[in-house]
Amino acid sequence: MKTLGPTMEKYLVRVIFRIILVLYIIYIAIKLIAVILVENISGASALREESLEKLRQNLTGNITMDHVQNSKKI
């Protein structure tokens, strides 16, 4: 059985290390992209809900104020 020389062994260790490093970097990048997308989606949903709530309050406030103003005229 033939054994690898010291040069070939170092080369293989470096290649394996680089492959693991690249895979780890890709994993971190995908994880970061997922977090950013989820924050954007949830942030947009929260902004939309906030806008709807303000609209509901404005409509409710206007209707309430209209009744108050109408009752003063009587």
C-alpha atoms as a PDB file:
ATOM      1  CA  MET A   1       0.000   0.000   0.000  1.00  0.00           C
ATOM      2  CA  LYS A   2       1.360   3.371  -1.017  1.00  0.00           C
ATOM      3  CA  THR A   3       1.323   6.231   1.505  1.00  0.00           C
ATOM      4  CA  LEU A   4       1.023   9.904   0.657  1.00  0.00           C
ATOM      5  CA  GLY A   5       4.087  12.071   0.856  1.00  0.00           C
ATOM      6  CA  PRO A   6       4.278  14.993   3.276  1.00  0.00           C
ATOM      7  CA  THR A   7       3.715  17.531   0.467  1.00  0.00           C
ATOM      8  CA  MET A   8       0.596  15.798  -0.823  1.00  0.00           C
ATOM      9  CA  GLU A   9      -0.755  15.415   2.704  1.00  0.00           C
ATOM     10  CA  LYS A  10      -0.362  19.155   3.412  1.00  0.00           C
ATOM     11  CA  TYR A  11      -2.045  19.960   0.099  1.00  0.00           C
ATOM     12  CA  LEU A  12      -5.034  17.736   0.900  1.00  0.00           C
ATOM     13  CA  VAL A  13      -5.371  19.239   4.386  1.00  0.00           C
ATOM     14  CA  ARG A  14      -5.385  22.740   2.891  1.00  0.00           C
ATOM     15  CA  VAL A  15      -7.974  21.779   0.274  1.00  0.00           C
ATOM     16  CA  ILE A  16     -10.246  20.224   2.887  1.00  0.00           C
ATOM     17  CA  PHE A  17      -9.830  23.252   5.160  1.00  0.00           C
ATOM     18  CA  ARG A  18     -10.683  25.639   2.308  1.00  0.00           C
ATOM     19  CA  ILE A  19     -13.755  23.626   1.350  1.00  0.00           C
ATOM     20  CA  ILE A  20     -15.001  23.684   4.942  1.00  0.00           C
ATOM     21  CA  LEU A  21     -14.290  27.423   5.187  1.00  0.00           C
ATOM     22  CA  VAL A  22     -16.168  28.204   1.967  1.00  0.00           C
ATOM     23  CA  LEU A  23     -19.145  26.103   3.055  1.00  0.00           C
ATOM     24  CA  TYR A  24     -19.217  27.875   6.416  1.00  0.00           C
ATOM     25  CA  ILE A  25     -19.119  31.304   4.757  1.00  0.00           C
ATOM     26  CA  ILE A  26     -21.956  30.294   2.422  1.00  0.00           C
ATOM     27  CA  TYR A  27     -23.960  29.053   5.426  1.00  0.00           C
ATOM     28  CA  ILE A  28     -23.469  32.356   7.283  1.00  0.00           C
ATOM     29  CA  ALA A  29     -24.395  34.373   4.166  1.00  0.00           C
ATOM     30  CA  ILE A  30     -27.601  32.396   3.606  1.00  0.00           C
ATOM     31  CA  LYS A  31     -28.526  32.742   7.266  1.00  0.00           C
ATOM     32  CA  LEU A  32     -27.940  36.514   7.124  1.00  0.00           C
ATOM     33  CA  ILE A  33     -29.989  36.890   3.936  1.00  0.00           C
ATOM     34  CA  ALA A  34     -32.848  34.922   5.514  1.00  0.00           C
ATOM     35  CA  VAL A  35     -32.822  37.165   8.588  1.00  0.00           C
ATOM     36  CA  ILE A  36     -32.828  40.307   6.438  1.00  0.00           C
ATOM     37  CA  LEU A  37     -35.726  39.043   4.311  1.00  0.00           C
ATOM     38  CA  VAL A  38     -37.788  38.066   7.336  1.00  0.00           C
ATOM     39  CA  GLU A  39     -37.207  41.473   8.937  1.00  0.00           C
ATOM     40  CA  ASN A  40     -38.210  43.249   5.723  1.00  0.00           C
ATOM     41  CA  ILE A  41     -41.368  41.188   5.375  1.00  0.00           C
ATOM     42  CA  SER A  42     -42.365  41.542   9.019  1.00  0.00           C
ATOM     43  CA  GLY A  43     -41.418  45.230   8.978  1.00  0.00           C
ATOM     44  CA  ALA A  44     -43.609  45.819   5.930  1.00  0.00           C
ATOM     45  CA  SER A  45     -46.454  43.943   7.595  1.00  0.00           C
ATOM     46  CA  ALA A  46     -46.049  45.963  10.777  1.00  0.00           C
ATOM     47  CA  LEU A  47     -45.983  49.212   8.804  1.00  0.00           C
ATOM     48  CA  ARG A  48     -49.115  48.180   6.919  1.00  0.00           C
ATOM     49  CA  GLU A  49     -50.891  47.279  10.178  1.00  0.00           C
ATOM     50  CA  GLU A  50     -49.835  50.594  11.703  1.00  0.00           C
ATOM     51  CA  SER A  51     -51.184  52.494   8.706  1.00  0.00           C
ATOM     52  CA  LEU A  52     -54.482  50.619   8.878  1.00  0.00           C
ATOM     53  CA  GLU A  53     -54.777  51.297  12.603  1.00  0.00           C
ATOM     54  CA  LYS A  54     -54.150  55.032  12.064  1.00  0.00           C
ATOM     55  CA  LEU A  55     -56.754  55.043   9.310  1.00  0.00           C
ATOM     56  CA  ARG A  56     -59.280  53.320  11.588  1.00  0.00           C
ATOM     57  CA  GLN A  57     -58.571  55.809  14.366  1.00  0.00           C
ATOM     58  CA  ASN A  58     -58.923  58.741  11.983  1.00  0.00           C
ATOM     59  CA  LEU A  59     -62.216  57.450  10.651  1.00  0.00           C
ATOM     60  CA  THR A  60     -63.521  56.765  14.142  1.00  0.00           C
ATOM     61  CA  GLY A  61     -62.296  60.130  15.370  1.00  0.00           C
ATOM     62  CA  ASN A  62     -63.903  62.000  12.481  1.00  0.00           C
ATOM     63  CA  ILE A  63     -67.229  60.281  12.985  1.00  0.00           C
ATOM     64  CA  THR A  64     -67.153  60.991  16.721  1.00  0.00           C
ATOM     65  CA  MET A  65     -66.218  64.625  16.182  1.00  0.00           C
ATOM     66  CA  ASP A  66     -68.957  65.051  13.572  1.00  0.00           C
ATOM     67  CA  HIS A  67     -71.579  63.944  16.115  1.00  0.00           C
ATOM     68  CA  VAL A  68     -70.184  66.290  18.739  1.00  0.00           C
ATOM     69  CA  GLN A  69     -70.168  69.247  16.342  1.00  0.00           C
ATOM     70  CA  ASN A  70     -73.695  68.418  15.152  1.00  0.00           C
ATOM     71  CA  SER A  71     -75.009  68.220  18.707  1.00  0.00           C
ATOM     72  CA  LYS A  72     -73.612  71.685  19.549  1.00  0.00           C
ATOM     73  CA  LYS A  73     -75.548  73.236  16.661  1.00  0.00           C
ATOM     74  CA  ILE A  74     -78.839  71.984  18.023  1.00  0.00           C
END
